[in-house]
Amino acid sequence: MGVFVFLPLVLPLTAWPVARLAEQHLHPRTATRLLAGVAAVLGVCSTLCLGLLMVVGTAQLPGNPLPDAWSDPEVREAVPYDEIAGRIAIPALLVVVVACGRALWRHRMVRRRADLALRALPRTTSVAVLPDDAPYAYALPGRLDRVVVSRGMLDGLRPAERRALFAHERAHLAGRHHRYLLVAQLAARANPFLRPLRTAVTYATERWADEDAAARVGSRRTVARAIGKSALISRGAPVATLAGFATAGPVPRRVAALLAPPPASRAWPSLFTAVGMAAWGAAVGTTVSALSSANSAVTLFLILRAATPL
């Protein structure tokens, strides 16, 4: 197994260049899917790595429920770094499980609170207008996808800007962006090196919704104006909702992107560009991480199976 078991813990560093370049040069739809996929694979691989090391570390603890043969000196020699890394992996994996569990629990509780808040409103409409002076708007996925908006937000926008706002939130629902955001959040909790990918996915989903809204409304400038005005009247105050849906992202960059020509819809960049090299580098790093995890898992399984008495 050797050093390959540690590669998934550090290979997420290879995704850092593509995080910045993808959000700048790729179409937001492509960037979202690419970055969320990379984050998912790297997060699973690094967690599997900790799990393998934890098995090795647990076998060395007195009174553990594992077979005694797993602590045999020959087995310990076949699985290196068990003395230090194996024991460190135990609390590290516990932290990952608790962090991911808290994220899922928060996701569930926010959905439940939102459903309770909207229970009194008619369920026949896809828009829920709350009589609240605080300005906010967000998409709420569920059995009945809804756009939740406060009266304070609507009062601060013109009719065309309201249409752009609704188009933006509906684009979140149509693209199922909450799934990409949740995957990126869980991956970042599994490995801190994946936090730049979480930030990039958050921005890419907002840009994806911006572009879809601009196509539906027919005016990029109107969507840009609606985004800027919404951020000003809400003062950037976040609202607790599913998977960070209330996060507006870097508004000046989004407005500047909407005032520029629309991005190319090419699915994958050419290798002979900076973003192409970064994307292929991230793809290679992700593949190596997955192969290293698989190699380590199979090797450890064969070693412990051979050491386990019938």
C-alpha atoms as a PDB file:
ATOM      1  CA  MET A   1       0.000   0.000   0.000  1.00  0.00           C
ATOM      2  CA  GLY A   2       2.841   2.345   0.857  1.00  0.00           C
ATOM      3  CA  VAL A   3       2.639   6.065   0.338  1.00  0.00           C
ATOM      4  CA  PHE A   4      -0.253   5.753  -2.130  1.00  0.00           C
ATOM      5  CA  VAL A   5      -2.740   5.733   0.737  1.00  0.00           C
ATOM      6  CA  PHE A   6      -1.738   9.325   1.557  1.00  0.00           C
ATOM      7  CA  LEU A   7      -2.120  10.713  -1.971  1.00  0.00           C
ATOM      8  CA  PRO A   8      -5.899  11.305  -1.780  1.00  0.00           C
ATOM      9  CA  LEU A   9      -5.316  13.592   1.214  1.00  0.00           C
ATOM     10  CA  VAL A  10      -3.078  15.998  -0.711  1.00  0.00           C
ATOM     11  CA  LEU A  11      -4.177  15.559  -4.334  1.00  0.00           C
ATOM     12  CA  PRO A  12      -7.068  18.041  -3.853  1.00  0.00           C
ATOM     13  CA  LEU A  13      -4.343  20.683  -4.168  1.00  0.00           C
ATOM     14  CA  THR A  14      -4.284  19.889  -7.901  1.00  0.00           C
ATOM     15  CA  ALA A  15      -7.827  21.238  -8.203  1.00  0.00           C
ATOM     16  CA  TRP A  16      -6.952  24.731  -6.940  1.00  0.00           C
ATOM     17  CA  PRO A  17      -5.837  26.129 -10.327  1.00  0.00           C
ATOM     18  CA  VAL A  18      -8.943  24.897 -12.120  1.00  0.00           C
ATOM     19  CA  ALA A  19     -11.215  26.403  -9.481  1.00  0.00           C
ATOM     20  CA  ARG A  20     -10.189  29.940 -10.371  1.00  0.00           C
ATOM     21  CA  LEU A  21      -9.740  29.456 -14.092  1.00  0.00           C
ATOM     22  CA  ALA A  22     -12.951  27.491 -14.581  1.00  0.00           C
ATOM     23  CA  GLU A  23     -15.141  30.166 -13.000  1.00  0.00           C
ATOM     24  CA  GLN A  24     -13.497  32.795 -15.192  1.00  0.00           C
ATOM     25  CA  HIS A  25     -13.263  31.065 -18.577  1.00  0.00           C
ATOM     26  CA  LEU A  26     -15.782  28.213 -18.702  1.00  0.00           C
ATOM     27  CA  HIS A  27     -19.514  28.518 -19.152  1.00  0.00           C
ATOM     28  CA  PRO A  28     -21.017  28.555 -15.629  1.00  0.00           C
ATOM     29  CA  ARG A  29     -23.028  25.405 -16.331  1.00  0.00           C
ATOM     30  CA  THR A  30     -19.887  23.507 -17.352  1.00  0.00           C
ATOM     31  CA  ALA A  31     -17.868  24.952 -14.488  1.00  0.00           C
ATOM     32  CA  THR A  32     -20.493  23.934 -11.932  1.00  0.00           C
ATOM     33  CA  ARG A  33     -20.676  20.350 -13.116  1.00  0.00           C
ATOM     34  CA  LEU A  34     -16.916  19.991 -13.489  1.00  0.00           C
ATOM     35  CA  LEU A  35     -16.021  21.469 -10.108  1.00  0.00           C
ATOM     36  CA  ALA A  36     -18.791  19.663  -8.222  1.00  0.00           C
ATOM     37  CA  GLY A  37     -17.779  16.357  -9.797  1.00  0.00           C
ATOM     38  CA  VAL A  38     -14.117  16.870  -8.960  1.00  0.00           C
ATOM     39  CA  ALA A  39     -14.989  17.874  -5.400  1.00  0.00           C
ATOM     40  CA  ALA A  40     -17.201  14.800  -4.939  1.00  0.00           C
ATOM     41  CA  VAL A  41     -14.558  12.329  -6.143  1.00  0.00           C
ATOM     42  CA  LEU A  42     -11.723  13.919  -4.171  1.00  0.00           C
ATOM     43  CA  GLY A  43     -13.853  14.192  -1.038  1.00  0.00           C
ATOM     44  CA  VAL A  44     -14.866  10.529  -1.167  1.00  0.00           C
ATOM     45  CA  CYS A  45     -11.301   9.416  -1.874  1.00  0.00           C
ATOM     46  CA  SER A  46      -9.786  11.394   1.005  1.00  0.00           C
ATOM     47  CA  THR A  47     -12.454  10.059   3.378  1.00  0.00           C
ATOM     48  CA  LEU A  48     -11.733   6.505   2.211  1.00  0.00           C
ATOM     49  CA  CYS A  49      -8.054   7.152   2.851  1.00  0.00           C
ATOM     50  CA  LEU A  50      -8.780   8.173   6.443  1.00  0.00           C
ATOM     51  CA  GLY A  51     -10.975   5.113   6.832  1.00  0.00           C
ATOM     52  CA  LEU A  52      -8.175   2.792   5.710  1.00  0.00           C
ATOM     53  CA  LEU A  53      -5.686   4.424   8.046  1.00  0.00           C
ATOM     54  CA  MET A  54      -8.224   4.283  10.884  1.00  0.00           C
ATOM     55  CA  VAL A  55      -8.586   0.519  10.468  1.00  0.00           C
ATOM     56  CA  VAL A  56      -4.837   0.162  10.735  1.00  0.00           C
ATOM     57  CA  GLY A  57      -4.662   2.485  13.735  1.00  0.00           C
ATOM     58  CA  THR A  58      -7.567   0.829  15.533  1.00  0.00           C
ATOM     59  CA  ALA A  59      -5.913  -2.576  15.196  1.00  0.00           C
ATOM     60  CA  GLN A  60      -3.083  -1.303  17.403  1.00  0.00           C
ATOM     61  CA  LEU A  61      -5.295  -0.118  20.270  1.00  0.00           C
ATOM     62  CA  PRO A  62      -5.666  -2.420  23.294  1.00  0.00           C
ATOM     63  CA  GLY A  63      -9.093  -3.944  23.711  1.00  0.00           C
ATOM     64  CA  ASN A  64     -10.224  -3.207  20.170  1.00  0.00           C
ATOM     65  CA  PRO A  65     -12.888  -5.493  18.654  1.00  0.00           C
ATOM     66  CA  LEU A  66     -10.778  -6.312  15.602  1.00  0.00           C
ATOM     67  CA  PRO A  67      -9.096  -9.737  15.150  1.00  0.00           C
ATOM     68  CA  ASP A  68      -5.851 -10.107  17.085  1.00  0.00           C
ATOM     69  CA  ALA A  69      -4.048 -11.192  13.925  1.00  0.00           C
ATOM     70  CA  TRP A  70      -4.475  -7.680  12.516  1.00  0.00           C
ATOM     71  CA  SER A  71      -1.983  -6.462  15.124  1.00  0.00           C
ATOM     72  CA  ASP A  72       0.587  -9.084  14.168  1.00  0.00           C
ATOM     73  CA  PRO A  73       4.065  -7.600  13.526  1.00  0.00           C
ATOM     74  CA  GLU A  74       4.099  -9.002   9.970  1.00  0.00           C
ATOM     75  CA  VAL A  75       0.821  -7.265   9.194  1.00  0.00           C
ATOM     76  CA  ARG A  76       2.074  -4.032  10.736  1.00  0.00           C
ATOM     77  CA  GLU A  77       5.184  -4.284   8.588  1.00  0.00           C
ATOM     78  CA  ALA A  78       3.089  -4.843   5.437  1.00  0.00           C
ATOM     79  CA  VAL A  79       1.002  -1.729   6.253  1.00  0.00           C
ATOM     80  CA  PRO A  80       3.513   1.086   6.903  1.00  0.00           C
ATOM     81  CA  TYR A  81       3.025   4.257   8.977  1.00  0.00           C
ATOM     82  CA  ASP A  82       0.544   2.525  11.266  1.00  0.00           C
ATOM     83  CA  GLU A  83       2.069   3.797  14.503  1.00  0.00           C
ATOM     84  CA  ILE A  84       1.482   7.517  13.886  1.00  0.00           C
ATOM     85  CA  ALA A  85      -0.783   8.055  10.882  1.00  0.00           C
ATOM     86  CA  GLY A  86      -3.157   5.258  11.795  1.00  0.00           C
ATOM     87  CA  ARG A  87      -3.877   6.673  15.223  1.00  0.00           C
ATOM     88  CA  ILE A  88      -4.121  10.253  14.001  1.00  0.00           C
ATOM     89  CA  ALA A  89      -6.667   9.116  11.405  1.00  0.00           C
ATOM     90  CA  ILE A  90      -9.097   8.008  14.115  1.00  0.00           C
ATOM     91  CA  PRO A  91      -9.955  11.494  15.458  1.00  0.00           C
ATOM     92  CA  ALA A  92      -9.560  12.983  11.964  1.00  0.00           C
ATOM     93  CA  LEU A  93     -12.210  10.659  10.538  1.00  0.00           C
ATOM     94  CA  LEU A  94     -14.445  11.358  13.520  1.00  0.00           C
ATOM     95  CA  VAL A  95     -14.194  15.095  12.817  1.00  0.00           C
ATOM     96  CA  VAL A  96     -15.109  14.506   9.159  1.00  0.00           C
ATOM     97  CA  VAL A  97     -18.136  12.381  10.051  1.00  0.00           C
ATOM     98  CA  VAL A  98     -19.371  14.924  12.605  1.00  0.00           C
ATOM     99  CA  ALA A  99     -18.851  17.865  10.225  1.00  0.00           C
ATOM    100  CA  CYS A 100     -20.671  16.173   7.356  1.00  0.00           C
ATOM    101  CA  GLY A 101     -23.425  15.027   9.691  1.00  0.00           C
ATOM    102  CA  ARG A 102     -23.933  18.582  10.956  1.00  0.00           C
ATOM    103  CA  ALA A 103     -24.114  19.897   7.395  1.00  0.00           C
ATOM    104  CA  LEU A 104     -26.787  17.345   6.479  1.00  0.00           C
ATOM    105  CA  TRP A 105     -28.682  18.012   9.694  1.00  0.00           C
ATOM    106  CA  ARG A 106     -28.648  21.766   9.075  1.00  0.00           C
ATOM    107  CA  HIS A 107     -29.835  21.179   5.503  1.00  0.00           C
ATOM    108  CA  ARG A 108     -32.748  19.115   6.794  1.00  0.00           C
ATOM    109  CA  MET A 109     -33.668  21.548   9.570  1.00  0.00           C
ATOM    110  CA  VAL A 110     -33.662  24.554   7.255  1.00  0.00           C
ATOM    111  CA  ARG A 111     -35.977  22.715   4.878  1.00  0.00           C
ATOM    112  CA  ARG A 112     -38.311  21.817   7.755  1.00  0.00           C
ATOM    113  CA  ARG A 113     -38.394  25.384   9.113  1.00  0.00           C
ATOM    114  CA  ALA A 114     -39.064  26.748   5.636  1.00  0.00           C
ATOM    115  CA  ASP A 115     -41.906  24.290   5.099  1.00  0.00           C
ATOM    116  CA  LEU A 116     -43.445  25.282   8.434  1.00  0.00           C
ATOM    117  CA  ALA A 117     -43.157  28.976   7.601  1.00  0.00           C
ATOM    118  CA  LEU A 118     -44.917  28.471   4.259  1.00  0.00           C
ATOM    119  CA  ARG A 119     -47.562  26.034   5.476  1.00  0.00           C
ATOM    120  CA  ALA A 120     -50.219  28.729   5.793  1.00  0.00           C
ATOM    121  CA  LEU A 121     -49.713  29.893   2.199  1.00  0.00           C
ATOM    122  CA  PRO A 122     -51.483  28.298  -0.778  1.00  0.00           C
ATOM    123  CA  ARG A 123     -49.527  25.402  -2.265  1.00  0.00           C
ATOM    124  CA  THR A 124     -50.955  25.926  -5.733  1.00  0.00           C
ATOM    125  CA  THR A 125     -48.480  28.662  -6.627  1.00  0.00           C
ATOM    126  CA  SER A 126     -44.761  28.434  -7.252  1.00  0.00           C
ATOM    127  CA  VAL A 127     -44.108  31.860  -5.720  1.00  0.00           C
ATOM    128  CA  ALA A 128     -44.446  32.556  -1.996  1.00  0.00           C
ATOM    129  CA  VAL A 129     -44.556  36.250  -1.075  1.00  0.00           C
ATOM    130  CA  LEU A 130     -43.980  36.768   2.630  1.00  0.00           C
ATOM    131  CA  PRO A 131     -45.251  39.939   4.362  1.00  0.00           C
ATOM    132  CA  ASP A 132     -41.801  40.803   5.670  1.00  0.00           C
ATOM    133  CA  ASP A 133     -40.112  44.196   5.446  1.00  0.00           C
ATOM    134  CA  ALA A 134     -36.666  42.594   5.427  1.00  0.00           C
ATOM    135  CA  PRO A 135     -35.545  42.273   1.779  1.00  0.00           C
ATOM    136  CA  TYR A 136     -34.620  38.739   0.716  1.00  0.00           C
ATOM    137  CA  ALA A 137     -35.357  36.187  -1.981  1.00  0.00           C
ATOM    138  CA  TYR A 138     -34.276  32.595  -2.473  1.00  0.00           C
ATOM    139  CA  ALA A 139     -35.219  29.340  -4.162  1.00  0.00           C
ATOM    140  CA  LEU A 140     -36.678  26.557  -2.048  1.00  0.00           C
ATOM    141  CA  PRO A 141     -36.530  23.133  -3.723  1.00  0.00           C
ATOM    142  CA  GLY A 142     -38.832  20.381  -2.577  1.00  0.00           C
ATOM    143  CA  ARG A 143     -41.925  18.485  -3.645  1.00  0.00           C
ATOM    144  CA  LEU A 144     -43.268  21.813  -4.833  1.00  0.00           C
ATOM    145  CA  ASP A 145     -40.392  24.007  -5.967  1.00  0.00           C
ATOM    146  CA  ARG A 146     -40.986  27.534  -4.773  1.00  0.00           C
ATOM    147  CA  VAL A 147     -39.462  30.964  -5.075  1.00  0.00           C
ATOM    148  CA  VAL A 148     -39.639  32.676  -1.694  1.00  0.00           C
ATOM    149  CA  VAL A 149     -39.504  36.465  -1.742  1.00  0.00           C
ATOM    150  CA  SER A 150     -40.313  39.103   0.841  1.00  0.00           C
ATOM    151  CA  ARG A 151     -42.494  42.130   0.326  1.00  0.00           C
ATOM    152  CA  GLY A 152     -39.517  44.279   1.249  1.00  0.00           C
ATOM    153  CA  MET A 153     -37.528  42.915  -1.685  1.00  0.00           C
ATOM    154  CA  LEU A 154     -40.351  43.387  -4.181  1.00  0.00           C
ATOM    155  CA  ASP A 155     -40.959  46.966  -3.054  1.00  0.00           C
ATOM    156  CA  GLY A 156     -37.371  47.850  -3.865  1.00  0.00           C
ATOM    157  CA  LEU A 157     -37.437  46.574  -7.463  1.00  0.00           C
ATOM    158  CA  ARG A 158     -39.087  47.743 -10.658  1.00  0.00           C
ATOM    159  CA  PRO A 159     -41.355  45.335 -12.600  1.00  0.00           C
ATOM    160  CA  ALA A 160     -38.627  44.368 -15.094  1.00  0.00           C
ATOM    161  CA  GLU A 161     -36.185  43.783 -12.252  1.00  0.00           C
ATOM    162  CA  ARG A 162     -38.730  41.636 -10.450  1.00  0.00           C
ATOM    163  CA  ARG A 163     -39.067  39.455 -13.547  1.00  0.00           C
ATOM    164  CA  ALA A 164     -35.290  39.101 -13.644  1.00  0.00           C
ATOM    165  CA  LEU A 165     -35.234  38.174  -9.952  1.00  0.00           C
ATOM    166  CA  PHE A 166     -37.880  35.484 -10.413  1.00  0.00           C
ATOM    167  CA  ALA A 167     -36.120  34.158 -13.506  1.00  0.00           C
ATOM    168  CA  HIS A 168     -32.860  33.905 -11.561  1.00  0.00           C
ATOM    169  CA  GLU A 169     -34.427  31.960  -8.685  1.00  0.00           C
ATOM    170  CA  ARG A 170     -36.356  29.685 -11.044  1.00  0.00           C
ATOM    171  CA  ALA A 171     -33.096  28.919 -12.824  1.00  0.00           C
ATOM    172  CA  HIS A 172     -31.707  27.676  -9.489  1.00  0.00           C
ATOM    173  CA  LEU A 173     -34.644  25.314  -9.184  1.00  0.00           C
ATOM    174  CA  ALA A 174     -34.558  24.122 -12.788  1.00  0.00           C
ATOM    175  CA  GLY A 175     -30.828  23.402 -12.605  1.00  0.00           C
ATOM    176  CA  ARG A 176     -31.128  21.659  -9.200  1.00  0.00           C
ATOM    177  CA  HIS A 177     -28.277  23.833  -8.018  1.00  0.00           C
ATOM    178  CA  HIS A 178     -28.817  22.915  -4.373  1.00  0.00           C
ATOM    179  CA  ARG A 179     -27.433  19.450  -5.130  1.00  0.00           C
ATOM    180  CA  TYR A 180     -24.170  20.808  -6.502  1.00  0.00           C
ATOM    181  CA  LEU A 181     -23.873  23.172  -3.542  1.00  0.00           C
ATOM    182  CA  LEU A 182     -24.515  20.414  -1.021  1.00  0.00           C
ATOM    183  CA  VAL A 183     -21.937  18.141  -2.667  1.00  0.00           C
ATOM    184  CA  ALA A 184     -19.346  20.930  -2.577  1.00  0.00           C
ATOM    185  CA  GLN A 185     -20.124  21.669   1.078  1.00  0.00           C
ATOM    186  CA  LEU A 186     -19.745  18.034   2.120  1.00  0.00           C
ATOM    187  CA  ALA A 187     -16.506  17.695   0.150  1.00  0.00           C
ATOM    188  CA  ALA A 188     -15.059  20.802   1.816  1.00  0.00           C
ATOM    189  CA  ARG A 189     -15.868  19.337   5.219  1.00  0.00           C
ATOM    190  CA  ALA A 190     -14.259  16.039   4.258  1.00  0.00           C
ATOM    191  CA  ASN A 191     -11.022  17.761   3.213  1.00  0.00           C
ATOM    192  CA  PRO A 192     -10.162  21.422   3.960  1.00  0.00           C
ATOM    193  CA  PHE A 193      -8.086  21.552   0.762  1.00  0.00           C
ATOM    194  CA  LEU A 194     -11.393  21.439  -1.158  1.00  0.00           C
ATOM    195  CA  ARG A 195     -12.717  24.718   0.247  1.00  0.00           C
ATOM    196  CA  PRO A 196     -11.663  26.697  -2.854  1.00  0.00           C
ATOM    197  CA  LEU A 197     -13.802  24.342  -4.914  1.00  0.00           C
ATOM    198  CA  ARG A 198     -16.780  25.016  -2.653  1.00  0.00           C
ATOM    199  CA  THR A 199     -16.353  28.762  -3.161  1.00  0.00           C
ATOM    200  CA  ALA A 200     -15.987  28.297  -6.911  1.00  0.00           C
ATOM    201  CA  VAL A 201     -19.105  26.096  -7.131  1.00  0.00           C
ATOM    202  CA  THR A 202     -21.118  28.697  -5.201  1.00  0.00           C
ATOM    203  CA  TYR A 203     -20.056  31.417  -7.629  1.00  0.00           C
ATOM    204  CA  ALA A 204     -20.573  29.209 -10.694  1.00  0.00           C
ATOM    205  CA  THR A 205     -24.141  28.314  -9.714  1.00  0.00           C
ATOM    206  CA  GLU A 206     -24.981  31.994  -9.271  1.00  0.00           C
ATOM    207  CA  ARG A 207     -23.488  32.789 -12.670  1.00  0.00           C
ATOM    208  CA  TRP A 208     -25.386  29.869 -14.209  1.00  0.00           C
ATOM    209  CA  ALA A 209     -28.638  31.265 -12.840  1.00  0.00           C
ATOM    210  CA  ASP A 210     -27.649  34.759 -14.029  1.00  0.00           C
ATOM    211  CA  GLU A 211     -27.102  33.544 -17.591  1.00  0.00           C
ATOM    212  CA  ASP A 212     -30.339  31.558 -17.670  1.00  0.00           C
ATOM    213  CA  ALA A 213     -32.232  34.570 -16.327  1.00  0.00           C
ATOM    214  CA  ALA A 214     -30.666  36.836 -18.942  1.00  0.00           C
ATOM    215  CA  ALA A 215     -31.699  34.428 -21.701  1.00  0.00           C
ATOM    216  CA  ARG A 216     -35.260  34.253 -20.380  1.00  0.00           C
ATOM    217  CA  VAL A 217     -35.674  37.988 -19.776  1.00  0.00           C
ATOM    218  CA  GLY A 218     -33.860  38.933 -22.974  1.00  0.00           C
ATOM    219  CA  SER A 219     -31.728  41.649 -21.392  1.00  0.00           C
ATOM    220  CA  ARG A 220     -28.413  41.076 -19.666  1.00  0.00           C
ATOM    221  CA  ARG A 221     -28.394  44.663 -18.434  1.00  0.00           C
ATOM    222  CA  THR A 222     -31.759  44.234 -16.691  1.00  0.00           C
ATOM    223  CA  VAL A 223     -30.529  41.147 -14.844  1.00  0.00           C
ATOM    224  CA  ALA A 224     -27.325  42.956 -13.868  1.00  0.00           C
ATOM    225  CA  ARG A 225     -29.333  45.885 -12.555  1.00  0.00           C
ATOM    226  CA  ALA A 226     -31.648  43.569 -10.598  1.00  0.00           C
ATOM    227  CA  ILE A 227     -28.690  41.762  -9.020  1.00  0.00           C
ATOM    228  CA  GLY A 228     -26.944  44.988  -8.049  1.00  0.00           C
ATOM    229  CA  LYS A 229     -30.084  46.591  -6.634  1.00  0.00           C
ATOM    230  CA  SER A 230     -31.056  43.439  -4.713  1.00  0.00           C
ATOM    231  CA  ALA A 231     -27.623  43.328  -3.112  1.00  0.00           C
ATOM    232  CA  LEU A 232     -27.817  47.010  -2.166  1.00  0.00           C
ATOM    233  CA  ILE A 233     -31.231  46.906  -0.559  1.00  0.00           C
ATOM    234  CA  SER A 234     -30.500  43.664   1.293  1.00  0.00           C
ATOM    235  CA  ARG A 235     -27.041  44.927   2.309  1.00  0.00           C
ATOM    236  CA  GLY A 236     -25.664  41.459   1.593  1.00  0.00           C
ATOM    237  CA  ALA A 237     -27.360  40.017   4.677  1.00  0.00           C
ATOM    238  CA  PRO A 238     -27.512  36.203   4.194  1.00  0.00           C
ATOM    239  CA  VAL A 239     -30.670  34.256   4.888  1.00  0.00           C
ATOM    240  CA  ALA A 240     -30.375  30.706   6.237  1.00  0.00           C
ATOM    241  CA  THR A 241     -31.640  28.442   3.503  1.00  0.00           C
ATOM    242  CA  LEU A 242     -30.802  25.225   1.707  1.00  0.00           C
ATOM    243  CA  ALA A 243     -27.182  24.669   0.703  1.00  0.00           C
ATOM    244  CA  GLY A 244     -26.332  28.346   0.823  1.00  0.00           C
ATOM    245  CA  PHE A 245     -28.948  29.414  -1.722  1.00  0.00           C
ATOM    246  CA  ALA A 246     -29.121  32.871  -0.139  1.00  0.00           C
ATOM    247  CA  THR A 247     -25.435  33.483  -0.801  1.00  0.00           C
ATOM    248  CA  ALA A 248     -25.324  36.157  -3.453  1.00  0.00           C
ATOM    249  CA  GLY A 249     -21.697  35.565  -4.327  1.00  0.00           C
ATOM    250  CA  PRO A 250     -19.306  38.329  -5.409  1.00  0.00           C
ATOM    251  CA  VAL A 251     -21.895  40.715  -6.818  1.00  0.00           C
ATOM    252  CA  PRO A 252     -19.488  43.110  -8.622  1.00  0.00           C
ATOM    253  CA  ARG A 253     -17.967  40.214 -10.570  1.00  0.00           C
ATOM    254  CA  ARG A 254     -21.404  38.892 -11.479  1.00  0.00           C
ATOM    255  CA  VAL A 255     -22.577  42.290 -12.656  1.00  0.00           C
ATOM    256  CA  ALA A 256     -19.395  42.788 -14.687  1.00  0.00           C
ATOM    257  CA  ALA A 257     -19.864  39.370 -16.303  1.00  0.00           C
ATOM    258  CA  LEU A 258     -23.436  40.224 -17.278  1.00  0.00           C
ATOM    259  CA  LEU A 259     -22.353  43.517 -18.806  1.00  0.00           C
ATOM    260  CA  ALA A 260     -19.829  41.605 -20.938  1.00  0.00           C
ATOM    261  CA  PRO A 261     -20.695  39.339 -23.897  1.00  0.00           C
ATOM    262  CA  PRO A 262     -22.243  35.980 -22.962  1.00  0.00           C
ATOM    263  CA  PRO A 263     -19.763  33.153 -22.309  1.00  0.00           C
ATOM    264  CA  ALA A 264     -19.109  30.491 -24.903  1.00  0.00           C
ATOM    265  CA  SER A 265     -21.105  27.321 -24.360  1.00  0.00           C
ATOM    266  CA  ARG A 266     -18.251  24.957 -25.289  1.00  0.00           C
ATOM    267  CA  ALA A 267     -18.439  21.963 -22.973  1.00  0.00           C
ATOM    268  CA  TRP A 268     -14.704  21.282 -22.496  1.00  0.00           C
ATOM    269  CA  PRO A 269     -11.791  23.688 -23.017  1.00  0.00           C
ATOM    270  CA  SER A 270      -8.954  23.028 -25.412  1.00  0.00           C
ATOM    271  CA  LEU A 271      -5.788  21.560 -23.944  1.00  0.00           C
ATOM    272  CA  PHE A 272      -3.729  24.343 -25.498  1.00  0.00           C
ATOM    273  CA  THR A 273      -5.152  27.045 -23.212  1.00  0.00           C
ATOM    274  CA  ALA A 274      -4.477  27.960 -19.591  1.00  0.00           C
ATOM    275  CA  VAL A 275      -7.905  26.850 -18.431  1.00  0.00           C
ATOM    276  CA  GLY A 276      -7.627  23.692 -20.529  1.00  0.00           C
ATOM    277  CA  MET A 277      -4.322  22.728 -18.933  1.00  0.00           C
ATOM    278  CA  ALA A 278      -5.752  23.426 -15.475  1.00  0.00           C
ATOM    279  CA  ALA A 279      -8.883  21.383 -16.207  1.00  0.00           C
ATOM    280  CA  TRP A 280      -6.906  18.441 -17.523  1.00  0.00           C
ATOM    281  CA  GLY A 281      -4.540  18.722 -14.550  1.00  0.00           C
ATOM    282  CA  ALA A 282      -7.486  18.544 -12.162  1.00  0.00           C
ATOM    283  CA  ALA A 283      -8.890  15.593 -14.106  1.00  0.00           C
ATOM    284  CA  VAL A 284      -5.562  13.768 -13.874  1.00  0.00           C
ATOM    285  CA  GLY A 285      -5.294  14.534 -10.156  1.00  0.00           C
ATOM    286  CA  THR A 286      -8.813  13.271  -9.576  1.00  0.00           C
ATOM    287  CA  THR A 287      -8.117  10.081 -11.521  1.00  0.00           C
ATOM    288  CA  VAL A 288      -4.878   9.434  -9.637  1.00  0.00           C
ATOM    289  CA  SER A 289      -6.681  10.041  -6.346  1.00  0.00           C
ATOM    290  CA  ALA A 290      -9.406   7.554  -7.228  1.00  0.00           C
ATOM    291  CA  LEU A 291      -6.895   4.935  -8.415  1.00  0.00           C
ATOM    292  CA  SER A 292      -4.736   5.431  -5.311  1.00  0.00           C
ATOM    293  CA  SER A 293      -7.742   4.978  -3.051  1.00  0.00           C
ATOM    294  CA  ALA A 294      -8.823   1.849  -4.919  1.00  0.00           C
ATOM    295  CA  ASN A 295      -5.286   0.436  -4.843  1.00  0.00           C
ATOM    296  CA  SER A 296      -4.943   1.105  -1.112  1.00  0.00           C
ATOM    297  CA  ALA A 297      -8.372  -0.346  -0.310  1.00  0.00           C
ATOM    298  CA  VAL A 298      -7.771  -3.543  -2.273  1.00  0.00           C
ATOM    299  CA  THR A 299      -4.274  -3.969  -0.845  1.00  0.00           C
ATOM    300  CA  LEU A 300      -5.418  -3.471   2.729  1.00  0.00           C
ATOM    301  CA  PHE A 301      -8.343  -5.845   2.194  1.00  0.00           C
ATOM    302  CA  LEU A 302      -6.054  -8.597   0.883  1.00  0.00           C
ATOM    303  CA  ILE A 303      -3.547  -8.118   3.714  1.00  0.00           C
ATOM    304  CA  LEU A 304      -6.156  -8.210   6.477  1.00  0.00           C
ATOM    305  CA  ARG A 305      -8.014 -11.089   4.840  1.00  0.00           C
ATOM    306  CA  ALA A 306      -4.812 -13.106   4.758  1.00  0.00           C
ATOM    307  CA  ALA A 307      -4.167 -12.262   8.408  1.00  0.00           C
ATOM    308  CA  THR A 308      -7.693 -13.097   9.578  1.00  0.00           C
ATOM    309  CA  PRO A 309      -8.099 -16.638  10.912  1.00  0.00           C
ATOM    310  CA  LEU A 310     -10.885 -18.745   9.400  1.00  0.00           C
END
